[in-house]
PDB file of N, CA and C in Angstrom:
ATOM      1  N   MET A   1     195.418 -16.059 122.002  1.00  0.00           N
ATOM      2  CA  MET A   1     194.396 -15.886 123.008  1.00  0.00           C
ATOM      3  C   MET A   1     194.829 -16.599 124.298  1.00  0.00           C
ATOM      4  N   VAL A   2     194.654 -15.920 125.430  1.00  0.00           N
ATOM      5  CA  VAL A   2     195.023 -16.477 126.732  1.00  0.00           C
ATOM      6  C   VAL A   2     193.766 -17.020 127.399  1.00  0.00           C
ATOM      7  N   THR A   3     193.787 -18.305 127.712  1.00  0.00           N
ATOM      8  CA  THR A   3     192.636 -18.914 128.371  1.00  0.00           C
ATOM      9  C   THR A   3     192.718 -18.668 129.871  1.00  0.00           C
ATOM     10  N   ASP A   4     191.628 -19.002 130.574  1.00  0.00           N
ATOM     11  CA  ASP A   4     191.599 -18.846 132.031  1.00  0.00           C
ATOM     12  C   ASP A   4     192.683 -19.689 132.695  1.00  0.00           C
ATOM     13  N   ILE A   5     192.923 -20.876 132.167  1.00  0.00           N
ATOM     14  CA  ILE A   5     193.964 -21.743 132.731  1.00  0.00           C
ATOM     15  C   ILE A   5     195.326 -21.096 132.566  1.00  0.00           C
ATOM     16  N   HIS A   6     195.574 -20.530 131.399  1.00  0.00           N
ATOM     17  CA  HIS A   6     196.853 -19.858 131.165  1.00  0.00           C
ATOM     18  C   HIS A   6     196.997 -18.629 132.054  1.00  0.00           C
ATOM     19  N   LYS A   7     195.915 -17.885 132.240  1.00  0.00           N
ATOM     20  CA  LYS A   7     195.950 -16.716 133.122  1.00  0.00           C
ATOM     21  C   LYS A   7     196.296 -17.134 134.545  1.00  0.00           C
ATOM     22  N   GLU A   8     195.670 -18.219 135.010  1.00  0.00           N
ATOM     23  CA  GLU A   8     195.929 -18.711 136.360  1.00  0.00           C
ATOM     24  C   GLU A   8     197.385 -19.155 136.493  1.00  0.00           C
ATOM     25  N   THR A   9     197.904 -19.815 135.468  1.00  0.00           N
ATOM     26  CA  THR A   9     199.301 -20.243 135.478  1.00  0.00           C
ATOM     27  C   THR A   9     200.234 -19.046 135.518  1.00  0.00           C
ATOM     28  N   LEU A  10     199.912 -18.008 134.745  1.00  0.00           N
ATOM     29  CA  LEU A  10     200.729 -16.792 134.744  1.00  0.00           C
ATOM     30  C   LEU A  10     200.709 -16.124 136.108  1.00  0.00           C
ATOM     31  N   VAL A  11     199.555 -16.079 136.757  1.00  0.00           N
ATOM     32  CA  VAL A  11     199.443 -15.478 138.084  1.00  0.00           C
ATOM     33  C   VAL A  11     200.287 -16.261 139.082  1.00  0.00           C
ATOM     34  N   ILE A  12     200.189 -17.587 139.041  1.00  0.00           N
ATOM     35  CA  ILE A  12     200.977 -18.422 139.952  1.00  0.00           C
ATOM     36  C   ILE A  12     202.464 -18.221 139.700  1.00  0.00           C
ATOM     37  N   LYS A  13     202.881 -18.186 138.447  1.00  0.00           N
ATOM     38  CA  LYS A  13     204.292 -17.977 138.119  1.00  0.00           C
ATOM     39  C   LYS A  13     204.756 -16.612 138.590  1.00  0.00           C
ATOM     40  N   ASN A  14     203.933 -15.583 138.392  1.00  0.00           N
ATOM     41  CA  ASN A  14     204.295 -14.233 138.836  1.00  0.00           C
ATOM     42  C   ASN A  14     204.411 -14.172 140.352  1.00  0.00           C
ATOM     43  N   LYS A  15     203.479 -14.782 141.082  1.00  0.00           N
ATOM     44  CA  LYS A  15     203.550 -14.789 142.542  1.00  0.00           C
ATOM     45  C   LYS A  15     204.780 -15.548 143.010  1.00  0.00           C
ATOM     46  N   SER A  16     205.070 -16.650 142.330  1.00  0.00           N
ATOM     47  CA  SER A  16     206.250 -17.439 142.677  1.00  0.00           C
ATOM     48  C   SER A  16     207.518 -16.634 142.449  1.00  0.00           C
ATOM     49  N   LEU A  17     207.588 -15.901 141.346  1.00  0.00           N
ATOM     50  CA  LEU A  17     208.750 -15.067 141.042  1.00  0.00           C
ATOM     51  C   LEU A  17     208.895 -13.963 142.078  1.00  0.00           C
ATOM     52  N   ILE A  18     207.794 -13.343 142.476  1.00  0.00           N
ATOM     53  CA  ILE A  18     207.833 -12.287 143.492  1.00  0.00           C
ATOM     54  C   ILE A  18     208.334 -12.855 144.813  1.00  0.00           C
ATOM     55  N   MET A  19     207.856 -14.025 145.195  1.00  0.00           N
ATOM     56  CA  MET A  19     208.298 -14.639 146.450  1.00  0.00           C
ATOM     57  C   MET A  19     209.780 -14.983 146.374  1.00  0.00           C
ATOM     58  N   GLU A  20     210.214 -15.496 145.217  1.00  0.00           N
ATOM     59  CA  GLU A  20     211.622 -15.828 145.024  1.00  0.00           C
ATOM     60  C   GLU A  20     212.489 -14.581 145.153  1.00  0.00           C
ATOM     61  N   GLU A  21     212.045 -13.489 144.526  1.00  0.00           N
ATOM     62  CA  GLU A  21     212.802 -12.244 144.580  1.00  0.00           C
ATOM     63  C   GLU A  21     212.873 -11.694 145.998  1.00  0.00           C
ATOM     64  N   SER A  22     211.755 -11.700 146.717  1.00  0.00           N
ATOM     65  CA  SER A  22     211.777 -11.167 148.068  1.00  0.00           C
ATOM     66  C   SER A  22     212.652 -12.037 148.965  1.00  0.00           C
ATOM     67  N   CYS A  23     212.666 -13.352 148.714  1.00  0.00           N
ATOM     68  CA  CYS A  23     213.553 -14.241 149.472  1.00  0.00           C
ATOM     69  C   CYS A  23     215.016 -13.896 149.202  1.00  0.00           C
ATOM     70  N   GLU A  24     215.318 -13.516 147.975  1.00  0.00           N
ATOM     71  CA  GLU A  24     216.695 -13.125 147.649  1.00  0.00           C
ATOM     72  C   GLU A  24     217.133 -11.939 148.500  1.00  0.00           C
ATOM     73  N   LEU A  25     216.279 -10.942 148.624  1.00  0.00           N
ATOM     74  CA  LEU A  25     216.612  -9.786 149.453  1.00  0.00           C
ATOM     75  C   LEU A  25     216.730 -10.193 150.920  1.00  0.00           C
ATOM     76  N   LEU A  26     215.782 -10.958 151.405  1.00  0.00           N
ATOM     77  CA  LEU A  26     215.802 -11.369 152.811  1.00  0.00           C
ATOM     78  C   LEU A  26     216.996 -12.270 153.128  1.00  0.00           C
ATOM     79  N   ASN A  27     217.404 -13.098 152.182  1.00  0.00           N
ATOM     80  CA  ASN A  27     218.572 -13.957 152.387  1.00  0.00           C
ATOM     81  C   ASN A  27     219.877 -13.173 152.434  1.00  0.00           C
ATOM     82  N   ASN A  28     219.858 -11.968 151.910  1.00  0.00           N
ATOM     83  CA  ASN A  28     221.053 -11.125 151.887  1.00  0.00           C
ATOM     84  C   ASN A  28     220.890  -9.890 152.765  1.00  0.00           C
ATOM     85  N   ILE A  29     220.037  -9.973 153.758  1.00  0.00           N
ATOM     86  CA  ILE A  29     219.730  -8.824 154.599  1.00  0.00           C
ATOM     87  C   ILE A  29     220.963  -8.305 155.343  1.00  0.00           C
ATOM     88  N   ASP A  30     221.934  -9.182 155.593  1.00  0.00           N
ATOM     89  CA  ASP A  30     223.162  -8.766 156.285  1.00  0.00           C
ATOM     90  C   ASP A  30     224.058  -7.904 155.402  1.00  0.00           C
ATOM     91  N   LYS A  31     223.773  -7.842 154.102  1.00  0.00           N
ATOM     92  CA  LYS A  31     224.562  -7.028 153.179  1.00  0.00           C
ATOM     93  C   LYS A  31     224.000  -5.601 153.032  1.00  0.00           C
ATOM     94  N   ILE A  32     222.829  -5.359 153.588  1.00  0.00           N
ATOM     95  CA  ILE A  32     222.179  -4.055 153.429  1.00  0.00           C
ATOM     96  C   ILE A  32     222.954  -2.993 154.196  1.00  0.00           C
ATOM     97  N   HIS A  33     223.218  -1.890 153.505  1.00  0.00           N
ATOM     98  CA  HIS A  33     223.977  -0.775 154.067  1.00  0.00           C
ATOM     99  C   HIS A  33     223.565   0.499 153.330  1.00  0.00           C
ATOM    100  N   THR A  34     224.186   1.611 153.667  1.00  0.00           N
ATOM    101  CA  THR A  34     223.959   2.849 152.932  1.00  0.00           C
ATOM    102  C   THR A  34     225.229   3.681 152.949  1.00  0.00           C
ATOM    103  N   THR A  35     225.218   4.751 152.196  1.00  0.00           N
ATOM    104  CA  THR A  35     226.347   5.681 152.157  1.00  0.00           C
ATOM    105  C   THR A  35     226.173   6.726 153.252  1.00  0.00           C
ATOM    106  N   LEU A  36     227.182   7.559 153.438  1.00  0.00           N
ATOM    107  CA  LEU A  36     227.060   8.637 154.429  1.00  0.00           C
ATOM    108  C   LEU A  36     225.934   9.602 154.063  1.00  0.00           C
ATOM    109  N   LEU A  37     225.836   9.944 152.789  1.00  0.00           N
ATOM    110  CA  LEU A  37     224.742  10.825 152.363  1.00  0.00           C
ATOM    111  C   LEU A  37     223.385  10.134 152.519  1.00  0.00           C
ATOM    112  N   GLY A  38     223.344   8.844 152.199  1.00  0.00           N
ATOM    113  CA  GLY A  38     222.111   8.080 152.366  1.00  0.00           C
ATOM    114  C   GLY A  38     221.686   8.014 153.821  1.00  0.00           C
ATOM    115  N   TYR A  39     222.655   7.845 154.704  1.00  0.00           N
ATOM    116  CA  TYR A  39     222.414   7.794 156.140  1.00  0.00           C
ATOM    117  C   TYR A  39     221.669   9.054 156.595  1.00  0.00           C
ATOM    118  N   GLU A  40     222.187  10.201 156.197  1.00  0.00           N
ATOM    119  CA  GLU A  40     221.561  11.480 156.579  1.00  0.00           C
ATOM    120  C   GLU A  40     220.211  11.673 155.899  1.00  0.00           C
ATOM    121  N   ARG A  41     220.118  11.277 154.622  1.00  0.00           N
ATOM    122  CA  ARG A  41     218.868  11.426 153.877  1.00  0.00           C
ATOM    123  C   ARG A  41     217.755  10.578 154.508  1.00  0.00           C
ATOM    124  N   ILE A  42     218.069   9.349 154.869  1.00  0.00           N
ATOM    125  CA  ILE A  42     217.074   8.457 155.478  1.00  0.00           C
ATOM    126  C   ILE A  42     216.641   8.989 156.840  1.00  0.00           C
ATOM    127  N   LYS A  43     217.614   9.446 157.644  1.00  0.00           N
ATOM    128  CA  LYS A  43     217.272  10.029 158.955  1.00  0.00           C
ATOM    129  C   LYS A  43     216.300  11.185 158.782  1.00  0.00           C
ATOM    130  N   LYS A  44     216.594  12.061 157.835  1.00  0.00           N
ATOM    131  CA  LYS A  44     215.747  13.232 157.600  1.00  0.00           C
ATOM    132  C   LYS A  44     214.362  12.813 157.091  1.00  0.00           C
ATOM    133  N   ASN A  45     214.326  11.935 156.082  1.00  0.00           N
ATOM    134  CA  ASN A  45     213.058  11.539 155.472  1.00  0.00           C
ATOM    135  C   ASN A  45     212.141  10.783 156.436  1.00  0.00           C
ATOM    136  N   LEU A  46     212.721   9.990 157.320  1.00  0.00           N
ATOM    137  CA  LEU A  46     211.910   9.217 158.264  1.00  0.00           C
ATOM    138  C   LEU A  46     211.762   9.903 159.621  1.00  0.00           C
ATOM    139  N   GLY A  47     212.412  11.055 159.785  1.00  0.00           N
ATOM    140  CA  GLY A  47     212.299  11.800 161.033  1.00  0.00           C
ATOM    141  C   GLY A  47     212.944  11.091 162.209  1.00  0.00           C
ATOM    142  N   LEU A  48     214.072  10.424 161.946  1.00  0.00           N
ATOM    143  CA  LEU A  48     214.763   9.685 163.005  1.00  0.00           C
ATOM    144  C   LEU A  48     215.739  10.602 163.724  1.00  0.00           C
ATOM    145  N   LYS A  49     215.762  10.535 165.024  1.00  0.00           N
ATOM    146  CA  LYS A  49     216.690  11.364 165.806  1.00  0.00           C
ATOM    147  C   LYS A  49     217.926  10.564 166.202  1.00  0.00           C
ATOM    148  N   LYS A  50     217.758   9.589 167.078  1.00  0.00           N
ATOM    149  CA  LYS A  50     218.895   8.832 167.599  1.00  0.00           C
ATOM    150  C   LYS A  50     218.955   7.410 167.054  1.00  0.00           C
ATOM    151  N   THR A  51     217.938   7.007 166.319  1.00  0.00           N
ATOM    152  CA  THR A  51     217.880   5.648 165.796  1.00  0.00           C
ATOM    153  C   THR A  51     218.778   5.513 164.569  1.00  0.00           C
ATOM    154  N   ASP A  52     219.498   4.386 164.476  1.00  0.00           N
ATOM    155  CA  ASP A  52     220.319   4.089 163.309  1.00  0.00           C
ATOM    156  C   ASP A  52     219.384   3.834 162.119  1.00  0.00           C
ATOM    157  N   PRO A  53     219.481   4.632 161.050  1.00  0.00           N
ATOM    158  CA  PRO A  53     218.561   4.481 159.921  1.00  0.00           C
ATOM    159  C   PRO A  53     218.669   3.132 159.211  1.00  0.00           C
ATOM    160  N   VAL A  54     219.874   2.564 159.133  1.00  0.00           N
ATOM    161  CA  VAL A  54     220.027   1.257 158.493  1.00  0.00           C
ATOM    162  C   VAL A  54     219.324   0.190 159.329  1.00  0.00           C
ATOM    163  N   ARG A  55     219.524   0.213 160.639  1.00  0.00           N
ATOM    164  CA  ARG A  55     218.862  -0.738 161.528  1.00  0.00           C
ATOM    165  C   ARG A  55     217.350  -0.575 161.448  1.00  0.00           C
ATOM    166  N   CYS A  56     216.887   0.654 161.388  1.00  0.00           N
ATOM    167  CA  CYS A  56     215.455   0.924 161.278  1.00  0.00           C
ATOM    168  C   CYS A  56     214.899   0.331 159.979  1.00  0.00           C
ATOM    169  N   CYS A  57     215.597   0.526 158.868  1.00  0.00           N
ATOM    170  CA  CYS A  57     215.154  -0.008 157.572  1.00  0.00           C
ATOM    171  C   CYS A  57     215.158  -1.533 157.579  1.00  0.00           C
ATOM    172  N   ILE A  58     216.180  -2.133 158.154  1.00  0.00           N
ATOM    173  CA  ILE A  58     216.247  -3.591 158.236  1.00  0.00           C
ATOM    174  C   ILE A  58     215.090  -4.131 159.072  1.00  0.00           C
ATOM    175  N   ASP A  59     214.767  -3.469 160.162  1.00  0.00           N
ATOM    176  CA  ASP A  59     213.631  -3.890 160.990  1.00  0.00           C
ATOM    177  C   ASP A  59     212.327  -3.806 160.197  1.00  0.00           C
ATOM    178  N   ILE A  60     212.178  -2.773 159.395  1.00  0.00           N
ATOM    179  CA  ILE A  60     210.985  -2.624 158.555  1.00  0.00           C
ATOM    180  C   ILE A  60     210.946  -3.745 157.518  1.00  0.00           C
ATOM    181  N   ILE A  61     212.092  -4.045 156.909  1.00  0.00           N
ATOM    182  CA  ILE A  61     212.166  -5.082 155.879  1.00  0.00           C
ATOM    183  C   ILE A  61     211.816  -6.455 156.450  1.00  0.00           C
ATOM    184  N   LYS A  62     212.160  -6.702 157.698  1.00  0.00           N
ATOM    185  CA  LYS A  62     211.869  -7.990 158.333  1.00  0.00           C
ATOM    186  C   LYS A  62     210.395  -8.154 158.690  1.00  0.00           C
ATOM    187  N   ASP A  63     209.623  -7.084 158.623  1.00  0.00           N
ATOM    188  CA  ASP A  63     208.205  -7.121 158.963  1.00  0.00           C
ATOM    189  C   ASP A  63     207.442  -7.994 157.969  1.00  0.00           C
ATOM    190  N   ASN A  64     206.533  -8.811 158.479  1.00  0.00           N
ATOM    191  CA  ASN A  64     205.752  -9.711 157.624  1.00  0.00           C
ATOM    192  C   ASN A  64     204.739  -8.990 156.743  1.00  0.00           C
ATOM    193  N   ASN A  65     204.341  -7.791 157.113  1.00  0.00           N
ATOM    194  CA  ASN A  65     203.334  -7.053 156.355  1.00  0.00           C
ATOM    195  C   ASN A  65     203.960  -6.128 155.317  1.00  0.00           C
ATOM    196  N   LEU A  66     205.068  -6.554 154.753  1.00  0.00           N
ATOM    197  CA  LEU A  66     205.812  -5.734 153.811  1.00  0.00           C
ATOM    198  C   LEU A  66     205.669  -6.297 152.408  1.00  0.00           C
ATOM    199  N   ASN A  67     205.505  -5.433 151.440  1.00  0.00           N
ATOM    200  CA  ASN A  67     205.464  -5.817 150.038  1.00  0.00           C
ATOM    201  C   ASN A  67     206.859  -5.560 149.460  1.00  0.00           C
ATOM    202  N   ILE A  68     207.549  -6.617 149.061  1.00  0.00           N
ATOM    203  CA  ILE A  68     208.891  -6.490 148.486  1.00  0.00           C
ATOM    204  C   ILE A  68     208.812  -6.876 147.024  1.00  0.00           C
ATOM    205  N   TYR A  69     209.285  -5.975 146.157  1.00  0.00           N
ATOM    206  CA  TYR A  69     209.321  -6.306 144.741  1.00  0.00           C
ATOM    207  C   TYR A  69     210.523  -5.635 144.090  1.00  0.00           C
ATOM    208  N   ARG A  70     210.939  -6.206 142.973  1.00  0.00           N
ATOM    209  CA  ARG A  70     212.073  -5.661 142.245  1.00  0.00           C
ATOM    210  C   ARG A  70     211.575  -5.063 140.945  1.00  0.00           C
ATOM    211  N   LYS A  71     212.038  -3.850 140.674  1.00  0.00           N
ATOM    212  CA  LYS A  71     211.696  -3.173 139.436  1.00  0.00           C
ATOM    213  C   LYS A  71     212.996  -2.627 138.868  1.00  0.00           C
ATOM    214  N   GLY A  72     213.452  -3.215 137.777  1.00  0.00           N
ATOM    215  CA  GLY A  72     214.720  -2.794 137.191  1.00  0.00           C
ATOM    216  C   GLY A  72     215.877  -3.116 138.109  1.00  0.00           C
ATOM    217  N   LYS A  73     216.681  -2.109 138.417  1.00  0.00           N
ATOM    218  CA  LYS A  73     217.877  -2.338 139.231  1.00  0.00           C
ATOM    219  C   LYS A  73     217.654  -2.141 140.723  1.00  0.00           C
ATOM    220  N   ASN A  74     216.419  -1.886 141.131  1.00  0.00           N
ATOM    221  CA  ASN A  74     216.144  -1.594 142.543  1.00  0.00           C
ATOM    222  C   ASN A  74     215.102  -2.518 143.146  1.00  0.00           C
ATOM    223  N   TRP A  75     215.260  -2.735 144.459  1.00  0.00           N
ATOM    224  CA  TRP A  75     214.240  -3.367 145.276  1.00  0.00           C
ATOM    225  C   TRP A  75     213.381  -2.255 145.861  1.00  0.00           C
ATOM    226  N   TYR A  76     212.100  -2.515 146.004  1.00  0.00           N
ATOM    227  CA  TYR A  76     211.199  -1.597 146.685  1.00  0.00           C
ATOM    228  C   TYR A  76     210.522  -2.367 147.803  1.00  0.00           C
ATOM    229  N   CYS A  77     210.629  -1.846 148.987  1.00  0.00           N
ATOM    230  CA  CYS A  77     210.046  -2.460 150.174  1.00  0.00           C
ATOM    231  C   CYS A  77     209.011  -1.485 150.705  1.00  0.00           C
ATOM    232  N   LYS A  78     207.755  -1.904 150.689  1.00  0.00           N
ATOM    233  CA  LYS A  78     206.679  -0.958 150.975  1.00  0.00           C
ATOM    234  C   LYS A  78     205.692  -1.549 151.971  1.00  0.00           C
ATOM    235  N   ASN A  79     205.362  -0.742 152.974  1.00  0.00           N
ATOM    236  CA  ASN A  79     204.247  -1.065 153.863  1.00  0.00           C
ATOM    237  C   ASN A  79     203.345   0.159 153.927  1.00  0.00           C
ATOM    238  N   ARG A  80     202.432   0.211 154.858  1.00  0.00           N
ATOM    239  CA  ARG A  80     201.495   1.342 154.928  1.00  0.00           C
ATOM    240  C   ARG A  80     202.168   2.653 155.311  1.00  0.00           C
ATOM    241  N   LYS A  81     203.328   2.574 155.962  1.00  0.00           N
ATOM    242  CA  LYS A  81     203.969   3.779 156.481  1.00  0.00           C
ATOM    243  C   LYS A  81     205.220   4.205 155.723  1.00  0.00           C
ATOM    244  N   THR A  82     205.920   3.251 155.072  1.00  0.00           N
ATOM    245  CA  THR A  82     207.254   3.535 154.553  1.00  0.00           C
ATOM    246  C   THR A  82     207.514   2.846 153.217  1.00  0.00           C
ATOM    247  N   VAL A  83     208.303   3.517 152.376  1.00  0.00           N
ATOM    248  CA  VAL A  83     208.829   2.914 151.152  1.00  0.00           C
ATOM    249  C   VAL A  83     210.347   3.028 151.212  1.00  0.00           C
ATOM    250  N   ILE A  84     211.025   1.894 151.053  1.00  0.00           N
ATOM    251  CA  ILE A  84     212.483   1.848 151.080  1.00  0.00           C
ATOM    252  C   ILE A  84     212.960   1.404 149.703  1.00  0.00           C
ATOM    253  N   THR A  85     213.922   2.121 149.140  1.00  0.00           N
ATOM    254  CA  THR A  85     214.498   1.778 147.839  1.00  0.00           C
ATOM    255  C   THR A  85     215.920   1.286 148.055  1.00  0.00           C
ATOM    256  N   ILE A  86     216.217   0.087 147.534  1.00  0.00           N
ATOM    257  CA  ILE A  86     217.528  -0.539 147.717  1.00  0.00           C
ATOM    258  C   ILE A  86     218.066  -0.966 146.369  1.00  0.00           C
ATOM    259  N   ASN A  87     219.338  -0.650 146.094  1.00  0.00           N
ATOM    260  CA  ASN A  87     219.980  -1.103 144.875  1.00  0.00           C
ATOM    261  C   ASN A  87     220.100  -2.626 144.926  1.00  0.00           C
ATOM    262  N   ALA A  88     219.663  -3.302 143.868  1.00  0.00           N
ATOM    263  CA  ALA A  88     219.592  -4.759 143.870  1.00  0.00           C
ATOM    264  C   ALA A  88     220.952  -5.444 143.777  1.00  0.00           C
ATOM    265  N   SER A  89     221.930  -4.799 143.190  1.00  0.00           N
ATOM    266  CA  SER A  89     223.226  -5.471 143.054  1.00  0.00           C
ATOM    267  C   SER A  89     224.161  -5.204 144.228  1.00  0.00           C
ATOM    268  N   SER A  90     224.068  -4.028 144.825  1.00  0.00           N
ATOM    269  CA  SER A  90     224.988  -3.676 145.916  1.00  0.00           C
ATOM    270  C   SER A  90     224.329  -3.727 147.290  1.00  0.00           C
ATOM    271  N   TYR A  91     223.008  -3.854 147.340  1.00  0.00           N
ATOM    272  CA  TYR A  91     222.238  -3.842 148.586  1.00  0.00           C
ATOM    273  C   TYR A  91     222.420  -2.535 149.360  1.00  0.00           C
ATOM    274  N   THR A  92     222.635  -1.455 148.636  1.00  0.00           N
ATOM    275  CA  THR A  92     222.749  -0.119 149.228  1.00  0.00           C
ATOM    276  C   THR A  92     221.361   0.512 149.324  1.00  0.00           C
ATOM    277  N   ILE A  93     220.992   0.959 150.520  1.00  0.00           N
ATOM    278  CA  ILE A  93     219.729   1.679 150.662  1.00  0.00           C
ATOM    279  C   ILE A  93     219.919   3.045 150.023  1.00  0.00           C
ATOM    280  N   ILE A  94     219.117   3.319 149.017  1.00  0.00           N
ATOM    281  CA  ILE A  94     219.213   4.591 148.300  1.00  0.00           C
ATOM    282  C   ILE A  94     218.447   5.661 149.057  1.00  0.00           C
ATOM    283  N   THR A  95     217.217   5.315 149.425  1.00  0.00           N
ATOM    284  CA  THR A  95     216.389   6.260 150.161  1.00  0.00           C
ATOM    285  C   THR A  95     215.251   5.524 150.864  1.00  0.00           C
ATOM    286  N   ALA A  96     214.623   6.205 151.769  1.00  0.00           N
ATOM    287  CA  ALA A  96     213.422   5.724 152.441  1.00  0.00           C
ATOM    288  C   ALA A  96     212.524   6.925 152.680  1.00  0.00           C
ATOM    289  N   HIS A  97     211.250   6.727 152.479  1.00  0.00           N
ATOM    290  CA  HIS A  97     210.279   7.814 152.635  1.00  0.00           C
ATOM    291  C   HIS A  97     209.084   7.335 153.436  1.00  0.00           C
ATOM    292  N   SER A  98     208.503   8.243 154.164  1.00  0.00           N
ATOM    293  CA  SER A  98     207.235   7.972 154.825  1.00  0.00           C
ATOM    294  C   SER A  98     206.133   8.112 153.798  1.00  0.00           C
ATOM    295  N   VAL A  99     205.152   7.231 153.847  1.00  0.00           N
ATOM    296  CA  VAL A  99     204.005   7.305 152.951  1.00  0.00           C
ATOM    297  C   VAL A  99     203.002   8.254 153.569  1.00  0.00           C
ATOM    298  N   LYS A 100     202.498   9.153 152.771  1.00  0.00           N
ATOM    299  CA  LYS A 100     201.549  10.148 153.283  1.00  0.00           C
ATOM    300  C   LYS A 100     200.156   9.844 152.836  1.00  0.00           C
TER     301      LYS A 100
END
């Protein structure tokens, strides 16, 4: 049986782990890149014309109103407008989508 104290401890530990994980991504932000196919896919998905998609994604990731979490082998960076998927070991942006 999980008591209220244990639940609170689990919540604090989970929040701490999430903050630690997001710090890991932010500390390695200079490693974020994408492939040539990813470059075109992100431009298309986000409707970018002349903007560098990697720079655009990095700017979104630096935003304070972003939810960053890791699920399996990928990071997910989500705000009200965009979801960015990044491989956790290589820091390769896999895709980015506008939220509808």
